Amino acid sequence: MSTSKISIVIPALNEHESIGQVVSEMPWNLIAECIVVDNGSTDATAAIAAAAGARVIQSQRGYGAACLAGSLAALPTSDILVYMDGDGSDVIAGLPALIGPIERNEADFVLGSRLLGTREEGSMLGSQVFAGHLVGTLVKLTSGFRYTDMGPFRAIRRSSFDQLGMSELTYGWNLEMQIRAVQKKLRIREIPVDYRKRIGGISKVSGDLRASAKAAVRIMEVLFRVTFNRKA
């Protein structure tokens, strides 16, 4: 499989401080395109991303909605979809290791685990680390696979993504993908990835107590809804 058949999808909401650097760091010789999905930004996120070389599309509000829009907009020739955040916290230098198991036909879905990798001090809150362990345990109990994280940096074979029937439009998207991957019996691999503090701005989830609580409730809702309402 050629590494030029890779579409990178970056959902972005008001990330004007970081998106230019994130896009400019893309390994253009390894990928077919970088799609930045402007998720209702009120700043210059879209213009900065386009100037840096990304293909920019618009999406309705919602993290999952943006990820889905980017997935559906990916070039039809792309065999692998890669997701990452637009705040600069994911380290794109880890891309070859992330896509390697798929290219070698050893896996269909590869999750970059921040908890297995090296984290810059202050890049994750203790509550985020705890949530990763808790959800991993619950998924193991309900679905049979032990994840260590719900990190955004991930890769999936395009044909495998098409099997999942993703529908979650909020921050529960990552978890829905992980549970669906188990249900569809995809070959799953976790690899350690490096993780940094965001370049600028405030996290839409961890930067606000109310938003954090809302996201936590939604993630738990997704966990039980997707687990106990399996799709054929």
C-alpha atoms as a PDB file:
ATOM      1  CA  MET A   1       0.000   0.000   0.000  1.00  0.00           C
ATOM      2  CA  SER A   2       1.385   3.395  -0.959  1.00  0.00           C
ATOM      3  CA  THR A   3       1.662   5.977   1.780  1.00  0.00           C
ATOM      4  CA  SER A   4       0.547   8.590  -0.762  1.00  0.00           C
ATOM      5  CA  LYS A   5      -2.973   7.202  -0.402  1.00  0.00           C
ATOM      6  CA  ILE A   6      -3.544   8.821   2.981  1.00  0.00           C
ATOM      7  CA  SER A   7      -6.051  11.518   3.854  1.00  0.00           C
ATOM      8  CA  ILE A   8      -5.500  13.367   7.137  1.00  0.00           C
ATOM      9  CA  VAL A   9      -8.666  14.791   8.693  1.00  0.00           C
ATOM     10  CA  ILE A  10      -8.410  17.638  11.215  1.00  0.00           C
ATOM     11  CA  PRO A  11     -11.583  18.985  12.844  1.00  0.00           C
ATOM     12  CA  ALA A  12     -10.990  22.571  13.939  1.00  0.00           C
ATOM     13  CA  LEU A  13     -13.032  25.100  15.879  1.00  0.00           C
ATOM     14  CA  ASN A  14     -11.414  28.489  16.503  1.00  0.00           C
ATOM     15  CA  GLU A  15      -7.838  27.184  16.295  1.00  0.00           C
ATOM     16  CA  HIS A  16      -6.291  30.187  14.520  1.00  0.00           C
ATOM     17  CA  GLU A  17      -3.318  30.199  16.914  1.00  0.00           C
ATOM     18  CA  SER A  18      -2.255  26.655  16.056  1.00  0.00           C
ATOM     19  CA  ILE A  19      -3.746  25.458  12.773  1.00  0.00           C
ATOM     20  CA  GLY A  20      -1.122  27.097  10.557  1.00  0.00           C
ATOM     21  CA  GLN A  21       1.725  25.283  12.288  1.00  0.00           C
ATOM     22  CA  VAL A  22      -0.182  21.994  12.402  1.00  0.00           C
ATOM     23  CA  VAL A  23      -0.815  22.050   8.651  1.00  0.00           C
ATOM     24  CA  SER A  24       2.669  23.282   7.766  1.00  0.00           C
ATOM     25  CA  GLU A  25       4.184  20.331   9.651  1.00  0.00           C
ATOM     26  CA  MET A  26       2.411  17.795   7.415  1.00  0.00           C
ATOM     27  CA  PRO A  27       4.733  15.258   5.736  1.00  0.00           C
ATOM     28  CA  TRP A  28       3.395  16.116   2.271  1.00  0.00           C
ATOM     29  CA  ASN A  29       5.569  13.480   0.606  1.00  0.00           C
ATOM     30  CA  LEU A  30       3.743  10.771   2.582  1.00  0.00           C
ATOM     31  CA  ILE A  31       0.131  11.887   2.272  1.00  0.00           C
ATOM     32  CA  ALA A  32      -2.370  12.621  -0.467  1.00  0.00           C
ATOM     33  CA  GLU A  33      -4.078  15.496   1.323  1.00  0.00           C
ATOM     34  CA  CYS A  34      -4.749  17.275   4.588  1.00  0.00           C
ATOM     35  CA  ILE A  35      -8.396  18.172   5.153  1.00  0.00           C
ATOM     36  CA  VAL A  36      -9.192  20.799   7.766  1.00  0.00           C
ATOM     37  CA  VAL A  37     -12.864  20.743   8.675  1.00  0.00           C
ATOM     38  CA  ASP A  38     -13.904  24.179   9.864  1.00  0.00           C
ATOM     39  CA  ASN A  39     -16.467  23.427  12.527  1.00  0.00           C
ATOM     40  CA  GLY A  40     -18.167  26.809  12.746  1.00  0.00           C
ATOM     41  CA  SER A  41     -15.116  28.917  13.600  1.00  0.00           C
ATOM     42  CA  THR A  42     -15.581  32.626  14.197  1.00  0.00           C
ATOM     43  CA  ASP A  43     -11.892  33.392  13.735  1.00  0.00           C
ATOM     44  CA  ALA A  44      -9.442  33.004  10.841  1.00  0.00           C
ATOM     45  CA  THR A  45      -8.968  29.232  11.242  1.00  0.00           C
ATOM     46  CA  ALA A  46     -10.215  28.390   7.734  1.00  0.00           C
ATOM     47  CA  ALA A  47      -8.173  31.047   5.949  1.00  0.00           C
ATOM     48  CA  ILE A  48      -4.965  30.199   7.826  1.00  0.00           C
ATOM     49  CA  ALA A  49      -5.396  26.469   7.167  1.00  0.00           C
ATOM     50  CA  ALA A  50      -5.958  27.050   3.466  1.00  0.00           C
ATOM     51  CA  ALA A  51      -2.920  29.334   3.225  1.00  0.00           C
ATOM     52  CA  ALA A  52      -0.798  26.617   4.862  1.00  0.00           C
ATOM     53  CA  GLY A  53      -1.846  24.076   2.227  1.00  0.00           C
ATOM     54  CA  ALA A  54      -4.900  22.297   3.618  1.00  0.00           C
ATOM     55  CA  ARG A  55      -8.100  21.589   1.767  1.00  0.00           C
ATOM     56  CA  VAL A  56     -10.746  23.301   3.882  1.00  0.00           C
ATOM     57  CA  ILE A  57     -14.354  22.206   4.080  1.00  0.00           C
ATOM     58  CA  GLN A  58     -17.191  23.417   6.273  1.00  0.00           C
ATOM     59  CA  SER A  59     -19.222  21.337   8.716  1.00  0.00           C
ATOM     60  CA  GLN A  60     -22.047  21.745  11.173  1.00  0.00           C
ATOM     61  CA  ARG A  61     -21.033  22.184  14.796  1.00  0.00           C
ATOM     62  CA  GLY A  62     -19.932  19.072  16.626  1.00  0.00           C
ATOM     63  CA  TYR A  63     -16.592  17.237  16.802  1.00  0.00           C
ATOM     64  CA  GLY A  64     -18.026  14.023  15.411  1.00  0.00           C
ATOM     65  CA  ALA A  65     -19.916  15.888  12.706  1.00  0.00           C
ATOM     66  CA  ALA A  66     -16.642  17.441  11.566  1.00  0.00           C
ATOM     67  CA  CYS A  67     -14.801  14.110  11.591  1.00  0.00           C
ATOM     68  CA  LEU A  68     -17.578  12.482   9.584  1.00  0.00           C
ATOM     69  CA  ALA A  69     -17.665  15.323   7.057  1.00  0.00           C
ATOM     70  CA  GLY A  70     -13.917  15.064   6.569  1.00  0.00           C
ATOM     71  CA  SER A  71     -14.109  11.298   6.186  1.00  0.00           C
ATOM     72  CA  LEU A  72     -16.786  11.527   3.520  1.00  0.00           C
ATOM     73  CA  ALA A  73     -14.896  14.277   1.683  1.00  0.00           C
ATOM     74  CA  ALA A  74     -11.611  12.338   1.522  1.00  0.00           C
ATOM     75  CA  LEU A  75     -10.252  11.536  -1.903  1.00  0.00           C
ATOM     76  CA  PRO A  76     -11.744   8.285  -3.233  1.00  0.00           C
ATOM     77  CA  THR A  77      -8.213   7.046  -3.898  1.00  0.00           C
ATOM     78  CA  SER A  78      -7.207   7.269  -0.230  1.00  0.00           C
ATOM     79  CA  ASP A  79      -6.905   3.862   1.441  1.00  0.00           C
ATOM     80  CA  ILE A  80      -6.191   5.143   4.961  1.00  0.00           C
ATOM     81  CA  LEU A  81      -7.935   7.841   6.968  1.00  0.00           C
ATOM     82  CA  VAL A  82      -5.924   9.520   9.722  1.00  0.00           C
ATOM     83  CA  TYR A  83      -7.438  11.787  12.379  1.00  0.00           C
ATOM     84  CA  MET A  84      -5.734  14.324  14.589  1.00  0.00           C
ATOM     85  CA  ASP A  85      -6.583  17.505  16.461  1.00  0.00           C
ATOM     86  CA  GLY A  86      -5.854  21.001  15.230  1.00  0.00           C
ATOM     87  CA  ASP A  87      -4.444  22.408  18.469  1.00  0.00           C
ATOM     88  CA  GLY A  88      -0.879  21.189  17.927  1.00  0.00           C
ATOM     89  CA  SER A  89      -0.947  18.577  20.687  1.00  0.00           C
ATOM     90  CA  ASP A  90      -0.644  15.562  18.383  1.00  0.00           C
ATOM     91  CA  VAL A  91       2.846  14.961  16.991  1.00  0.00           C
ATOM     92  CA  ILE A  92       2.661  14.236  13.272  1.00  0.00           C
ATOM     93  CA  ALA A  93       6.194  12.795  13.303  1.00  0.00           C
ATOM     94  CA  GLY A  94       4.527   9.655  14.665  1.00  0.00           C
ATOM     95  CA  LEU A  95       2.554   9.125  11.447  1.00  0.00           C
ATOM     96  CA  PRO A  96       4.754   6.351   9.956  1.00  0.00           C
ATOM     97  CA  ALA A  97       4.445   4.298  13.149  1.00  0.00           C
ATOM     98  CA  LEU A  98       0.696   4.908  13.239  1.00  0.00           C
ATOM     99  CA  ILE A  99      -0.037   3.769   9.709  1.00  0.00           C
ATOM    100  CA  GLY A 100       2.637   1.051   9.619  1.00  0.00           C
ATOM    101  CA  PRO A 101       0.469  -1.813  10.948  1.00  0.00           C
ATOM    102  CA  ILE A 102      -2.217  -1.023   8.361  1.00  0.00           C
ATOM    103  CA  GLU A 103       0.265  -0.815   5.498  1.00  0.00           C
ATOM    104  CA  ARG A 104       1.773  -4.141   6.547  1.00  0.00           C
ATOM    105  CA  ASN A 105      -1.737  -5.637   6.705  1.00  0.00           C
ATOM    106  CA  GLU A 106      -1.345  -6.383  10.399  1.00  0.00           C
ATOM    107  CA  ALA A 107      -4.225  -4.171  11.538  1.00  0.00           C
ATOM    108  CA  ASP A 108      -7.316  -2.353  10.287  1.00  0.00           C
ATOM    109  CA  PHE A 109      -7.532   0.259  13.041  1.00  0.00           C
ATOM    110  CA  VAL A 110      -4.600   1.779  14.932  1.00  0.00           C
ATOM    111  CA  LEU A 111      -5.060   4.004  17.969  1.00  0.00           C
ATOM    112  CA  GLY A 112      -2.290   6.306  19.115  1.00  0.00           C
ATOM    113  CA  SER A 113      -2.212   5.990  22.904  1.00  0.00           C
ATOM    114  CA  ARG A 114      -1.025   9.047  24.802  1.00  0.00           C
ATOM    115  CA  LEU A 115      -0.971   7.034  28.017  1.00  0.00           C
ATOM    116  CA  LEU A 116       1.469   4.515  26.555  1.00  0.00           C
ATOM    117  CA  GLY A 117       3.615   7.226  25.001  1.00  0.00           C
ATOM    118  CA  THR A 118       5.506  10.279  26.215  1.00  0.00           C
ATOM    119  CA  ARG A 119       3.396  13.206  27.390  1.00  0.00           C
ATOM    120  CA  GLU A 120       4.684  16.733  27.854  1.00  0.00           C
ATOM    121  CA  GLU A 121       4.085  17.907  31.390  1.00  0.00           C
ATOM    122  CA  GLY A 122       0.729  19.647  31.586  1.00  0.00           C
ATOM    123  CA  SER A 123      -0.557  18.272  28.291  1.00  0.00           C
ATOM    124  CA  MET A 124      -3.225  16.115  29.960  1.00  0.00           C
ATOM    125  CA  LEU A 125      -5.219  16.684  33.101  1.00  0.00           C
ATOM    126  CA  GLY A 126      -5.380  14.001  35.755  1.00  0.00           C
ATOM    127  CA  SER A 127      -9.092  13.712  35.024  1.00  0.00           C
ATOM    128  CA  GLN A 128      -8.319  12.893  31.381  1.00  0.00           C
ATOM    129  CA  VAL A 129      -5.886  10.157  32.376  1.00  0.00           C
ATOM    130  CA  PHE A 130      -8.437   8.739  34.807  1.00  0.00           C
ATOM    131  CA  ALA A 131     -11.167   8.853  32.152  1.00  0.00           C
ATOM    132  CA  GLY A 132      -8.945   6.921  29.746  1.00  0.00           C
ATOM    133  CA  HIS A 133      -8.405   4.137  32.287  1.00  0.00           C
ATOM    134  CA  LEU A 134     -12.069   4.084  33.334  1.00  0.00           C
ATOM    135  CA  VAL A 135     -13.471   3.933  29.820  1.00  0.00           C
ATOM    136  CA  GLY A 136     -10.863   1.351  28.839  1.00  0.00           C
ATOM    137  CA  THR A 137     -11.991  -0.853  31.704  1.00  0.00           C
ATOM    138  CA  LEU A 138     -15.679  -0.423  30.864  1.00  0.00           C
ATOM    139  CA  VAL A 139     -15.118  -1.199  27.189  1.00  0.00           C
ATOM    140  CA  LYS A 140     -13.170  -4.306  28.192  1.00  0.00           C
ATOM    141  CA  LEU A 141     -16.047  -5.454  30.408  1.00  0.00           C
ATOM    142  CA  THR A 142     -18.745  -4.761  27.822  1.00  0.00           C
ATOM    143  CA  SER A 143     -17.027  -5.363  24.485  1.00  0.00           C
ATOM    144  CA  GLY A 144     -13.979  -7.482  25.253  1.00  0.00           C
ATOM    145  CA  PHE A 145     -11.080  -5.265  24.158  1.00  0.00           C
ATOM    146  CA  ARG A 146      -8.874  -3.264  26.522  1.00  0.00           C
ATOM    147  CA  TYR A 147      -8.072   0.205  25.229  1.00  0.00           C
ATOM    148  CA  THR A 148      -5.795   2.484  27.201  1.00  0.00           C
ATOM    149  CA  ASP A 149      -6.908   5.799  25.697  1.00  0.00           C
ATOM    150  CA  MET A 150      -9.443   7.674  23.581  1.00  0.00           C
ATOM    151  CA  GLY A 151      -6.810   9.842  21.916  1.00  0.00           C
ATOM    152  CA  PRO A 152      -7.602  11.719  18.698  1.00  0.00           C
ATOM    153  CA  PHE A 153      -4.515  10.581  16.746  1.00  0.00           C
ATOM    154  CA  ARG A 154      -5.666   7.421  14.979  1.00  0.00           C
ATOM    155  CA  ALA A 155      -5.699   5.683  11.617  1.00  0.00           C
ATOM    156  CA  ILE A 156      -8.186   3.344  10.013  1.00  0.00           C
ATOM    157  CA  ARG A 157      -8.351   1.458   6.760  1.00  0.00           C
ATOM    158  CA  ARG A 158     -10.887   3.218   4.510  1.00  0.00           C
ATOM    159  CA  SER A 159     -12.798   0.026   3.760  1.00  0.00           C
ATOM    160  CA  SER A 160     -12.978  -0.736   7.498  1.00  0.00           C
ATOM    161  CA  PHE A 161     -14.263   2.749   8.279  1.00  0.00           C
ATOM    162  CA  ASP A 162     -17.039   2.231   5.770  1.00  0.00           C
ATOM    163  CA  GLN A 163     -18.204  -0.808   7.779  1.00  0.00           C
ATOM    164  CA  LEU A 164     -18.616   1.087  11.035  1.00  0.00           C
ATOM    165  CA  GLY A 165     -21.685   3.173  10.263  1.00  0.00           C
ATOM    166  CA  MET A 166     -20.464   6.084  12.387  1.00  0.00           C
ATOM    167  CA  SER A 167     -23.222   8.379  13.590  1.00  0.00           C
ATOM    168  CA  GLU A 168     -22.045  10.172  16.756  1.00  0.00           C
ATOM    169  CA  LEU A 169     -21.786  13.928  16.099  1.00  0.00           C
ATOM    170  CA  THR A 170     -20.199  15.063  19.369  1.00  0.00           C
ATOM    171  CA  TYR A 171     -17.073  14.316  21.415  1.00  0.00           C
ATOM    172  CA  GLY A 172     -18.257  10.728  21.712  1.00  0.00           C
ATOM    173  CA  TRP A 173     -17.068  10.093  18.131  1.00  0.00           C
ATOM    174  CA  ASN A 174     -13.693   8.652  19.171  1.00  0.00           C
ATOM    175  CA  LEU A 175     -15.256   6.201  21.593  1.00  0.00           C
ATOM    176  CA  GLU A 176     -17.945   5.167  19.131  1.00  0.00           C
ATOM    177  CA  MET A 177     -15.247   4.322  16.589  1.00  0.00           C
ATOM    178  CA  GLN A 178     -13.366   2.234  19.146  1.00  0.00           C
ATOM    179  CA  ILE A 179     -16.429   0.255  20.211  1.00  0.00           C
ATOM    180  CA  ARG A 180     -17.638  -0.239  16.632  1.00  0.00           C
ATOM    181  CA  ALA A 181     -14.176  -1.495  15.693  1.00  0.00           C
ATOM    182  CA  VAL A 182     -14.458  -4.210  18.350  1.00  0.00           C
ATOM    183  CA  GLN A 183     -18.012  -5.084  17.318  1.00  0.00           C
ATOM    184  CA  LYS A 184     -16.993  -5.401  13.662  1.00  0.00           C
ATOM    185  CA  LYS A 185     -14.055  -7.579  14.669  1.00  0.00           C
ATOM    186  CA  LEU A 186     -11.483  -5.299  13.115  1.00  0.00           C
ATOM    187  CA  ARG A 187      -7.848  -6.044  13.790  1.00  0.00           C
ATOM    188  CA  ILE A 188      -6.988  -3.405  16.397  1.00  0.00           C
ATOM    189  CA  ARG A 189      -3.590  -2.167  17.464  1.00  0.00           C
ATOM    190  CA  GLU A 190      -2.569   0.463  20.005  1.00  0.00           C
ATOM    191  CA  ILE A 191       0.798   2.151  19.697  1.00  0.00           C
ATOM    192  CA  PRO A 192       2.468   4.738  21.972  1.00  0.00           C
ATOM    193  CA  VAL A 193       2.480   8.304  20.637  1.00  0.00           C
ATOM    194  CA  ASP A 194       3.987  11.537  21.899  1.00  0.00           C
ATOM    195  CA  TYR A 195       1.664  14.264  23.100  1.00  0.00           C
ATOM    196  CA  ARG A 196       2.298  17.988  23.647  1.00  0.00           C
ATOM    197  CA  LYS A 197       0.523  20.909  25.244  1.00  0.00           C
ATOM    198  CA  ARG A 198      -1.726  22.745  22.822  1.00  0.00           C
ATOM    199  CA  ILE A 199       0.005  25.569  20.965  1.00  0.00           C
ATOM    200  CA  GLY A 200      -2.573  28.188  21.880  1.00  0.00           C
ATOM    201  CA  GLY A 201      -6.167  28.836  22.770  1.00  0.00           C
ATOM    202  CA  ILE A 202      -8.339  26.955  25.239  1.00  0.00           C
ATOM    203  CA  SER A 203      -9.449  23.336  24.992  1.00  0.00           C
ATOM    204  CA  LYS A 204     -13.124  22.957  24.080  1.00  0.00           C
ATOM    205  CA  VAL A 205     -13.360  20.129  26.638  1.00  0.00           C
ATOM    206  CA  SER A 206     -10.688  20.255  29.347  1.00  0.00           C
ATOM    207  CA  GLY A 207     -10.405  24.040  29.392  1.00  0.00           C
ATOM    208  CA  ASP A 208     -13.776  24.526  31.041  1.00  0.00           C
ATOM    209  CA  LEU A 209     -15.279  22.619  33.978  1.00  0.00           C
ATOM    210  CA  ARG A 210     -18.804  22.788  32.603  1.00  0.00           C
ATOM    211  CA  ALA A 211     -17.701  21.641  29.154  1.00  0.00           C
ATOM    212  CA  SER A 212     -15.647  18.828  30.707  1.00  0.00           C
ATOM    213  CA  ALA A 213     -18.645  17.587  32.683  1.00  0.00           C
ATOM    214  CA  LYS A 214     -20.885  17.778  29.626  1.00  0.00           C
ATOM    215  CA  ALA A 215     -18.373  15.853  27.503  1.00  0.00           C
ATOM    216  CA  ALA A 216     -17.969  13.202  30.230  1.00  0.00           C
ATOM    217  CA  VAL A 217     -21.722  12.641  30.407  1.00  0.00           C
ATOM    218  CA  ARG A 218     -21.931  12.388  26.626  1.00  0.00           C
ATOM    219  CA  ILE A 219     -19.083   9.897  26.464  1.00  0.00           C
ATOM    220  CA  MET A 220     -20.778   7.667  29.019  1.00  0.00           C
ATOM    221  CA  GLU A 221     -24.034   7.899  27.078  1.00  0.00           C
ATOM    222  CA  VAL A 222     -22.205   6.843  23.916  1.00  0.00           C
ATOM    223  CA  LEU A 223     -20.505   3.979  25.724  1.00  0.00           C
ATOM    224  CA  PHE A 224     -23.773   2.397  26.786  1.00  0.00           C
ATOM    225  CA  ARG A 225     -25.788   3.289  23.692  1.00  0.00           C
ATOM    226  CA  VAL A 226     -23.278   1.917  21.216  1.00  0.00           C
ATOM    227  CA  THR A 227     -22.436  -1.119  23.345  1.00  0.00           C
ATOM    228  CA  PHE A 228     -26.011  -2.255  23.859  1.00  0.00           C
ATOM    229  CA  ASN A 229     -27.465  -1.178  20.522  1.00  0.00           C
ATOM    230  CA  ARG A 230     -25.275  -3.099  18.153  1.00  0.00           C
ATOM    231  CA  LYS A 231     -25.584  -2.631  14.403  1.00  0.00           C
ATOM    232  CA  ALA A 232     -25.653  -5.666  12.170  1.00  0.00           C
END
